[in-house]
Amino acid sequence: MAIEVGTKLQGKVTGITHFGAFVELAGGVTGLVHISEVADNYVKDVNDHLKINDVVTVKVINVDKDGKIGLSIKQAADRPVSDRRPPSNDRKPYGDRKPYRDRFGGSRMDAKLSFEDKMSKFLKDSEERISSLRKHTDSKRGGRGSRRY
């Protein structure tokens, strides 16, 4: 029996490692179920989901030229339509993201400003930042009276 990608088969778990489980298929052929293909949820330890000699249904997801067979248990499970993700037509305009800000703190609304308005806003913000920086550095030096020339 030739093993083709996309077919669902029954197999027996013959070995468990930290990265997945080996499953023996019909004809004595062995394939690997990677830890990411064991279950739909996060799998920290394969032993929590599978035991040796368990009979599982697997789906063939790839067959390498050197004979290695990649299997999946989670893709073999027929999930009902209700478990699938609903269409995302009812999303908010930004979703859960914050509105766009460029690296200077400007928003898309600033794109409507004229060049002169943008320059005056930039100069105002720049002067505020410089004065704030001077306040903090002067206090660390001990104030204006303790400067050394």
N, C-alpha and C. Protein backbone atom coordinates (compact mmCIF):
# COMPACT_ATOMS: atom_id res chain seq x y z
N MET A 1 0.84 -1.18 0.00
CA MET A 1 0.00 0.00 0.00
C MET A 1 0.88 1.24 0.00
N ALA A 2 0.70 2.10 -0.97
CA ALA A 2 1.49 3.33 -1.07
C ALA A 2 0.91 4.39 -0.14
N ILE A 3 1.77 5.08 0.58
CA ILE A 3 1.32 6.12 1.50
C ILE A 3 1.37 7.45 0.77
N GLU A 4 0.21 8.11 0.67
CA GLU A 4 0.10 9.37 -0.05
C GLU A 4 -0.24 10.50 0.90
N VAL A 5 0.21 11.69 0.57
CA VAL A 5 -0.08 12.87 1.38
C VAL A 5 -1.58 13.13 1.37
N GLY A 6 -2.14 13.39 2.56
CA GLY A 6 -3.56 13.71 2.68
C GLY A 6 -4.42 12.54 3.10
N THR A 7 -3.89 11.32 3.10
CA THR A 7 -4.70 10.16 3.49
C THR A 7 -4.73 10.02 5.00
N LYS A 8 -5.86 9.52 5.50
CA LYS A 8 -6.02 9.26 6.93
C LYS A 8 -5.87 7.77 7.16
N LEU A 9 -5.07 7.42 8.15
CA LEU A 9 -4.77 6.02 8.44
C LEU A 9 -4.84 5.76 9.93
N GLN A 10 -4.98 4.48 10.28
CA GLN A 10 -4.90 4.05 11.68
C GLN A 10 -3.47 3.60 11.94
N GLY A 11 -2.98 3.89 13.13
CA GLY A 11 -1.63 3.46 13.48
C GLY A 11 -1.50 3.25 14.97
N LYS A 12 -0.41 2.61 15.36
CA LYS A 12 -0.16 2.31 16.77
C LYS A 12 1.10 3.05 17.21
N VAL A 13 1.02 3.74 18.35
CA VAL A 13 2.15 4.49 18.90
C VAL A 13 3.21 3.49 19.37
N THR A 14 4.42 3.61 18.80
CA THR A 14 5.49 2.68 19.16
C THR A 14 6.59 3.33 19.98
N GLY A 15 6.65 4.65 19.97
CA GLY A 15 7.68 5.34 20.74
C GLY A 15 7.31 6.78 20.98
N ILE A 16 7.75 7.31 22.12
CA ILE A 16 7.46 8.70 22.49
C ILE A 16 8.78 9.37 22.86
N THR A 17 9.00 10.56 22.28
CA THR A 17 10.19 11.34 22.60
C THR A 17 9.74 12.73 23.05
N HIS A 18 10.70 13.58 23.39
CA HIS A 18 10.35 14.94 23.82
C HIS A 18 9.88 15.80 22.65
N PHE A 19 10.15 15.38 21.40
CA PHE A 19 9.76 16.17 20.23
C PHE A 19 8.58 15.57 19.46
N GLY A 20 8.05 14.44 19.90
CA GLY A 20 6.90 13.86 19.21
C GLY A 20 6.73 12.39 19.52
N ALA A 21 5.96 11.71 18.64
CA ALA A 21 5.68 10.29 18.83
C ALA A 21 5.84 9.57 17.51
N PHE A 22 6.36 8.33 17.58
CA PHE A 22 6.48 7.50 16.40
C PHE A 22 5.27 6.59 16.32
N VAL A 23 4.67 6.54 15.12
CA VAL A 23 3.46 5.76 14.91
C VAL A 23 3.73 4.75 13.80
N GLU A 24 3.43 3.46 14.09
CA GLU A 24 3.59 2.41 13.09
C GLU A 24 2.30 2.28 12.31
N LEU A 25 2.42 2.40 10.98
CA LEU A 25 1.27 2.31 10.09
C LEU A 25 1.19 0.90 9.50
N ALA A 26 0.18 0.68 8.67
CA ALA A 26 0.02 -0.62 8.02
C ALA A 26 1.25 -0.92 7.15
N GLY A 27 1.66 -2.16 7.14
CA GLY A 27 2.83 -2.55 6.35
C GLY A 27 4.13 -2.37 7.09
N GLY A 28 4.09 -2.05 8.38
CA GLY A 28 5.30 -1.92 9.17
C GLY A 28 6.05 -0.61 8.96
N VAL A 29 5.43 0.35 8.26
CA VAL A 29 6.07 1.64 8.01
C VAL A 29 5.84 2.54 9.23
N THR A 30 6.88 3.25 9.65
CA THR A 30 6.78 4.13 10.82
C THR A 30 6.90 5.58 10.39
N GLY A 31 6.05 6.43 10.99
CA GLY A 31 6.09 7.86 10.74
C GLY A 31 6.16 8.62 12.05
N LEU A 32 6.45 9.91 11.97
CA LEU A 32 6.59 10.75 13.16
C LEU A 32 5.46 11.76 13.24
N VAL A 33 4.84 11.84 14.41
CA VAL A 33 3.90 12.90 14.72
C VAL A 33 4.66 13.91 15.56
N HIS A 34 4.94 15.09 14.97
CA HIS A 34 5.68 16.12 15.70
C HIS A 34 4.82 16.62 16.86
N ILE A 35 5.44 17.12 17.92
CA ILE A 35 4.73 17.58 19.11
C ILE A 35 3.72 18.67 18.78
N SER A 36 4.00 19.47 17.74
CA SER A 36 3.06 20.53 17.35
C SER A 36 1.84 19.99 16.63
N GLU A 37 1.87 18.72 16.23
CA GLU A 37 0.75 18.11 15.51
C GLU A 37 -0.01 17.10 16.36
N VAL A 38 0.26 17.06 17.67
CA VAL A 38 -0.41 16.09 18.54
C VAL A 38 -1.81 16.55 18.90
N ALA A 39 -1.98 17.83 19.26
CA ALA A 39 -3.28 18.33 19.70
C ALA A 39 -3.45 19.77 19.28
N ASP A 40 -4.70 20.25 19.33
CA ASP A 40 -5.00 21.64 18.95
C ASP A 40 -4.45 22.64 19.96
N ASN A 41 -4.38 22.25 21.20
CA ASN A 41 -3.87 23.16 22.23
C ASN A 41 -2.36 22.93 22.43
N TYR A 42 -1.74 23.74 23.29
CA TYR A 42 -0.31 23.65 23.55
C TYR A 42 0.02 22.33 24.23
N VAL A 43 1.03 21.65 23.72
CA VAL A 43 1.46 20.37 24.27
C VAL A 43 2.86 20.55 24.85
N LYS A 44 2.95 20.47 26.17
CA LYS A 44 4.25 20.60 26.83
C LYS A 44 4.95 19.25 26.86
N ASP A 45 4.18 18.19 27.12
CA ASP A 45 4.73 16.84 27.20
C ASP A 45 3.83 15.90 26.42
N VAL A 46 4.40 15.18 25.48
CA VAL A 46 3.63 14.26 24.64
C VAL A 46 3.00 13.16 25.49
N ASN A 47 3.67 12.78 26.58
CA ASN A 47 3.15 11.71 27.45
C ASN A 47 1.80 12.06 28.07
N ASP A 48 1.46 13.34 28.14
CA ASP A 48 0.16 13.74 28.68
C ASP A 48 -0.98 13.42 27.72
N HIS A 49 -0.66 13.23 26.43
CA HIS A 49 -1.68 13.01 25.41
C HIS A 49 -1.66 11.60 24.82
N LEU A 50 -0.50 10.97 24.78
CA LEU A 50 -0.36 9.66 24.14
C LEU A 50 0.39 8.70 25.05
N LYS A 51 0.09 7.42 24.88
CA LYS A 51 0.80 6.34 25.57
C LYS A 51 1.26 5.33 24.52
N ILE A 52 2.27 4.58 24.81
CA ILE A 52 2.73 3.54 23.90
C ILE A 52 1.63 2.50 23.75
N ASN A 53 1.46 2.00 22.53
CA ASN A 53 0.43 1.03 22.12
C ASN A 53 -0.95 1.65 21.95
N ASP A 54 -1.09 2.97 22.07
CA ASP A 54 -2.36 3.61 21.74
C ASP A 54 -2.59 3.50 20.24
N VAL A 55 -3.85 3.27 19.85
CA VAL A 55 -4.21 3.27 18.44
C VAL A 55 -4.79 4.64 18.13
N VAL A 56 -4.21 5.31 17.14
CA VAL A 56 -4.60 6.68 16.80
C VAL A 56 -4.88 6.79 15.30
N THR A 57 -5.71 7.75 14.96
CA THR A 57 -5.95 8.08 13.56
C THR A 57 -5.04 9.24 13.20
N VAL A 58 -4.28 9.10 12.14
CA VAL A 58 -3.33 10.12 11.73
C VAL A 58 -3.58 10.48 10.27
N LYS A 59 -3.13 11.68 9.92
CA LYS A 59 -3.19 12.14 8.53
C LYS A 59 -1.75 12.32 8.05
N VAL A 60 -1.47 11.85 6.86
CA VAL A 60 -0.13 11.98 6.29
C VAL A 60 0.01 13.41 5.76
N ILE A 61 0.96 14.17 6.31
CA ILE A 61 1.13 15.55 5.88
C ILE A 61 2.33 15.75 4.97
N ASN A 62 3.31 14.83 5.01
CA ASN A 62 4.41 14.88 4.04
C ASN A 62 5.16 13.55 4.00
N VAL A 63 5.74 13.28 2.84
CA VAL A 63 6.58 12.11 2.66
C VAL A 63 7.85 12.59 1.98
N ASP A 64 8.98 12.46 2.68
CA ASP A 64 10.26 12.90 2.14
C ASP A 64 10.82 11.87 1.15
N LYS A 65 11.78 12.32 0.36
CA LYS A 65 12.41 11.43 -0.62
C LYS A 65 13.18 10.30 0.06
N ASP A 66 13.70 10.58 1.26
CA ASP A 66 14.47 9.55 1.97
C ASP A 66 13.58 8.61 2.78
N GLY A 67 12.25 8.72 2.63
CA GLY A 67 11.34 7.78 3.26
C GLY A 67 10.74 8.23 4.58
N LYS A 68 11.11 9.41 5.07
CA LYS A 68 10.54 9.90 6.32
C LYS A 68 9.10 10.35 6.09
N ILE A 69 8.22 9.97 7.01
CA ILE A 69 6.80 10.28 6.87
C ILE A 69 6.39 11.20 8.01
N GLY A 70 5.82 12.34 7.67
CA GLY A 70 5.31 13.28 8.66
C GLY A 70 3.82 13.07 8.84
N LEU A 71 3.40 12.92 10.09
CA LEU A 71 2.00 12.62 10.40
C LEU A 71 1.42 13.70 11.31
N SER A 72 0.09 13.77 11.34
CA SER A 72 -0.59 14.72 12.21
C SER A 72 -1.83 14.08 12.80
N ILE A 73 -1.97 14.20 14.10
CA ILE A 73 -3.19 13.72 14.77
C ILE A 73 -4.24 14.82 14.77
N LYS A 74 -3.83 16.07 14.98
CA LYS A 74 -4.81 17.15 15.06
C LYS A 74 -5.47 17.43 13.71
N GLN A 75 -4.78 17.23 12.60
CA GLN A 75 -5.39 17.43 11.29
C GLN A 75 -6.29 16.26 10.90
N ALA A 76 -6.08 15.10 11.52
CA ALA A 76 -6.91 13.93 11.22
C ALA A 76 -8.26 14.01 11.91
N ALA A 77 -8.34 14.77 12.99
CA ALA A 77 -9.60 14.88 13.73
C ALA A 77 -10.59 15.71 12.93
N ASP A 78 -11.79 15.17 12.72
CA ASP A 78 -12.84 15.90 12.01
C ASP A 78 -13.53 16.81 13.01
N ARG A 79 -13.25 18.11 12.89
CA ARG A 79 -13.85 19.07 13.80
C ARG A 79 -15.19 19.52 13.24
N PRO A 80 -16.20 19.67 14.09
CA PRO A 80 -17.47 20.18 13.61
C PRO A 80 -17.35 21.64 13.17
N VAL A 81 -18.30 22.08 12.38
CA VAL A 81 -18.28 23.44 11.84
C VAL A 81 -18.30 24.47 12.95
N SER A 82 -18.95 24.19 14.08
CA SER A 82 -19.07 25.15 15.18
C SER A 82 -17.72 25.43 15.85
N ASP A 83 -16.76 24.49 15.74
CA ASP A 83 -15.45 24.69 16.36
C ASP A 83 -14.53 25.56 15.52
N ARG A 84 -14.88 25.74 14.27
CA ARG A 84 -14.03 26.53 13.39
C ARG A 84 -14.20 28.00 13.70
N ARG A 85 -13.20 28.76 13.34
CA ARG A 85 -13.19 30.19 13.61
C ARG A 85 -14.25 30.91 12.77
N PRO A 86 -15.04 31.79 13.36
CA PRO A 86 -16.06 32.50 12.60
C PRO A 86 -15.43 33.52 11.65
N PRO A 87 -16.15 33.89 10.60
CA PRO A 87 -15.60 34.91 9.70
C PRO A 87 -15.41 36.22 10.44
N SER A 88 -14.41 36.96 10.05
CA SER A 88 -14.03 38.16 10.80
C SER A 88 -14.53 39.43 10.11
N ASN A 89 -15.81 39.49 9.76
CA ASN A 89 -16.37 40.66 9.11
C ASN A 89 -16.76 41.74 10.11
N ASP A 90 -16.91 41.38 11.36
CA ASP A 90 -17.39 42.33 12.37
C ASP A 90 -16.27 42.90 13.23
N ARG A 91 -15.11 43.08 12.66
CA ARG A 91 -13.98 43.62 13.41
C ARG A 91 -14.09 45.13 13.59
N LYS A 92 -13.45 45.61 14.64
CA LYS A 92 -13.33 47.05 14.84
C LYS A 92 -12.36 47.61 13.81
N PRO A 93 -12.41 48.91 13.53
CA PRO A 93 -11.50 49.46 12.52
C PRO A 93 -10.03 49.18 12.81
N TYR A 94 -9.63 49.28 14.08
CA TYR A 94 -8.23 49.02 14.44
C TYR A 94 -8.06 47.68 15.13
N GLY A 95 -9.14 46.93 15.32
CA GLY A 95 -9.03 45.69 16.07
C GLY A 95 -8.65 46.01 17.50
N ASP A 96 -7.68 45.30 18.02
CA ASP A 96 -7.19 45.57 19.37
C ASP A 96 -5.94 46.44 19.34
N ARG A 97 -5.58 46.91 18.15
CA ARG A 97 -4.37 47.72 18.01
C ARG A 97 -4.65 49.18 18.36
N LYS A 98 -3.60 49.87 18.69
CA LYS A 98 -3.70 51.30 18.93
C LYS A 98 -3.67 52.03 17.58
N PRO A 99 -4.23 53.21 17.52
CA PRO A 99 -4.16 53.97 16.26
C PRO A 99 -2.72 54.23 15.86
N TYR A 100 -2.51 54.43 14.60
CA TYR A 100 -1.17 54.62 14.03
C TYR A 100 -0.50 55.87 14.60
N ARG A 101 0.75 55.73 14.95
CA ARG A 101 1.61 56.85 15.36
C ARG A 101 2.94 56.67 14.66
N ASP A 102 3.42 57.74 14.03
CA ASP A 102 4.73 57.63 13.41
C ASP A 102 5.81 57.78 14.47
N ARG A 103 7.06 57.74 14.08
CA ARG A 103 8.14 57.74 15.07
C ARG A 103 8.29 59.08 15.77
N PHE A 104 7.64 60.13 15.27
CA PHE A 104 7.70 61.44 15.93
C PHE A 104 6.45 61.71 16.76
N GLY A 105 5.56 60.72 16.87
CA GLY A 105 4.35 60.88 17.67
C GLY A 105 3.19 61.45 16.90
N GLY A 106 3.33 61.64 15.62
CA GLY A 106 2.26 62.19 14.80
C GLY A 106 1.25 61.13 14.41
N SER A 107 0.03 61.54 14.16
CA SER A 107 -1.00 60.60 13.74
C SER A 107 -1.30 60.84 12.27
N ARG A 108 -2.22 60.07 11.74
CA ARG A 108 -2.61 60.25 10.33
C ARG A 108 -3.32 61.58 10.14
N MET A 109 -3.87 62.12 11.21
CA MET A 109 -4.54 63.41 11.10
C MET A 109 -3.53 64.52 10.81
N ASP A 110 -2.28 64.32 11.24
CA ASP A 110 -1.24 65.32 11.00
C ASP A 110 -0.90 65.40 9.52
N ALA A 111 -1.23 64.38 8.75
CA ALA A 111 -0.92 64.40 7.33
C ALA A 111 -1.72 65.48 6.60
N LYS A 112 -2.81 65.91 7.19
CA LYS A 112 -3.64 66.94 6.57
C LYS A 112 -3.12 68.35 6.86
N LEU A 113 -2.16 68.48 7.75
CA LEU A 113 -1.61 69.79 8.10
C LEU A 113 -0.68 70.27 7.00
N SER A 114 -0.55 71.60 6.91
CA SER A 114 0.39 72.16 5.94
C SER A 114 1.81 72.01 6.46
N PHE A 115 2.78 72.24 5.60
CA PHE A 115 4.18 72.10 5.97
C PHE A 115 4.54 73.05 7.11
N GLU A 116 4.05 74.30 7.03
CA GLU A 116 4.35 75.28 8.07
C GLU A 116 3.78 74.86 9.41
N ASP A 117 2.56 74.30 9.40
CA ASP A 117 1.96 73.84 10.66
C ASP A 117 2.75 72.67 11.24
N LYS A 118 3.19 71.78 10.37
CA LYS A 118 3.99 70.64 10.84
C LYS A 118 5.31 71.11 11.44
N MET A 119 5.95 72.10 10.79
CA MET A 119 7.21 72.63 11.30
C MET A 119 7.03 73.31 12.64
N SER A 120 5.96 74.10 12.78
CA SER A 120 5.74 74.78 14.06
C SER A 120 5.45 73.78 15.17
N LYS A 121 4.70 72.71 14.85
CA LYS A 121 4.44 71.66 15.84
C LYS A 121 5.74 70.96 16.22
N PHE A 122 6.57 70.67 15.23
CA PHE A 122 7.85 70.02 15.50
C PHE A 122 8.73 70.89 16.39
N LEU A 123 8.83 72.18 16.09
CA LEU A 123 9.66 73.08 16.90
C LEU A 123 9.15 73.18 18.32
N LYS A 124 7.83 73.25 18.48
CA LYS A 124 7.25 73.32 19.82
C LYS A 124 7.59 72.07 20.61
N ASP A 125 7.38 70.88 20.00
CA ASP A 125 7.69 69.62 20.68
C ASP A 125 9.18 69.53 20.99
N SER A 126 10.00 69.97 20.06
CA SER A 126 11.45 69.91 20.25
C SER A 126 11.89 70.79 21.41
N GLU A 127 11.36 72.00 21.48
CA GLU A 127 11.71 72.91 22.57
C GLU A 127 11.27 72.36 23.92
N GLU A 128 10.09 71.73 23.96
CA GLU A 128 9.62 71.12 25.21
C GLU A 128 10.55 69.99 25.65
N ARG A 129 10.97 69.18 24.72
CA ARG A 129 11.86 68.07 25.04
C ARG A 129 13.22 68.56 25.51
N ILE A 130 13.75 69.59 24.87
CA ILE A 130 15.06 70.13 25.25
C ILE A 130 14.99 70.75 26.64
N SER A 131 13.91 71.51 26.93
CA SER A 131 13.80 72.13 28.26
C SER A 131 13.65 71.06 29.34
N SER A 132 12.91 70.00 29.04
CA SER A 132 12.76 68.91 30.00
C SER A 132 14.11 68.23 30.23
N LEU A 133 14.85 68.02 29.18
CA LEU A 133 16.17 67.39 29.28
C LEU A 133 17.12 68.26 30.10
N ARG A 134 17.09 69.56 29.88
CA ARG A 134 17.96 70.47 30.64
C ARG A 134 17.62 70.46 32.12
N LYS A 135 16.32 70.43 32.45
CA LYS A 135 15.92 70.38 33.86
C LYS A 135 16.51 69.16 34.54
N HIS A 136 16.40 68.01 33.89
CA HIS A 136 16.88 66.78 34.50
C HIS A 136 18.39 66.73 34.59
N THR A 137 19.09 67.22 33.60
CA THR A 137 20.55 67.16 33.66
C THR A 137 21.11 68.19 34.63
N ASP A 138 20.47 69.36 34.74
CA ASP A 138 20.95 70.37 35.70
C ASP A 138 20.78 69.87 37.12
N SER A 139 19.69 69.19 37.41
CA SER A 139 19.48 68.71 38.78
C SER A 139 20.49 67.62 39.12
N LYS A 140 20.96 66.86 38.16
CA LYS A 140 21.95 65.83 38.44
C LYS A 140 23.34 66.42 38.65
N ARG A 141 23.60 67.59 38.09
CA ARG A 141 24.90 68.24 38.26
C ARG A 141 24.97 69.01 39.56
N GLY A 142 23.84 69.20 40.20
CA GLY A 142 23.83 69.97 41.44
C GLY A 142 23.31 71.36 41.25
N GLY A 143 22.64 71.63 40.17
CA GLY A 143 22.06 72.97 39.95
C GLY A 143 23.01 73.85 39.17
N ARG A 144 22.55 75.08 38.93
CA ARG A 144 23.32 76.02 38.11
C ARG A 144 24.53 76.58 38.86
N GLY A 145 24.43 76.68 40.18
CA GLY A 145 25.51 77.29 40.94
C GLY A 145 26.76 76.45 41.05
N SER A 146 26.66 75.16 40.78
CA SER A 146 27.83 74.31 41.01
C SER A 146 28.54 73.94 39.71
N ARG A 147 28.31 74.66 38.65
CA ARG A 147 28.99 74.34 37.40
C ARG A 147 30.47 74.69 37.50
N ARG A 148 31.30 73.89 36.89
CA ARG A 148 32.72 74.16 36.85
C ARG A 148 33.10 74.55 35.47
N TYR A 149 33.93 75.59 35.35
CA TYR A 149 34.35 76.09 34.05
C TYR A 149 35.77 75.77 33.77
